[in-house]
Amino acid sequence: MKILLVSGEEFPAEKIIKTQDSIIGKNGDTEVFAFKGINDFSRFQLLGGSEFDLDPELEKEQRIADLEAAITALLGGAV
């Protein structure tokens, strides 16, 4: 369980995802909190040395790019 500290208040969640302008806490597939439209992330802190989880969409895009690069390498650059 990760804990996000915001203005002295703790927000626990299994996953805490940071995007370009938001922080979303999830337990499984259920969103338990969301801070959207963030301009200044300095007031948000993860406790216990935790790190933010990857945005699932960005993670999916990165996996696809990695797979495409691996396929290209396996085919010797020919597509």
Foldseek 3Di string as FASTA:
>chain_A
DKWKAAPNDIDDAPAWADDPFKIWGYHVPRTPDMDGRHDDCVRIDIPPPDDHDYDVVVVVVVVVVVVVVVVCVVVVNDD
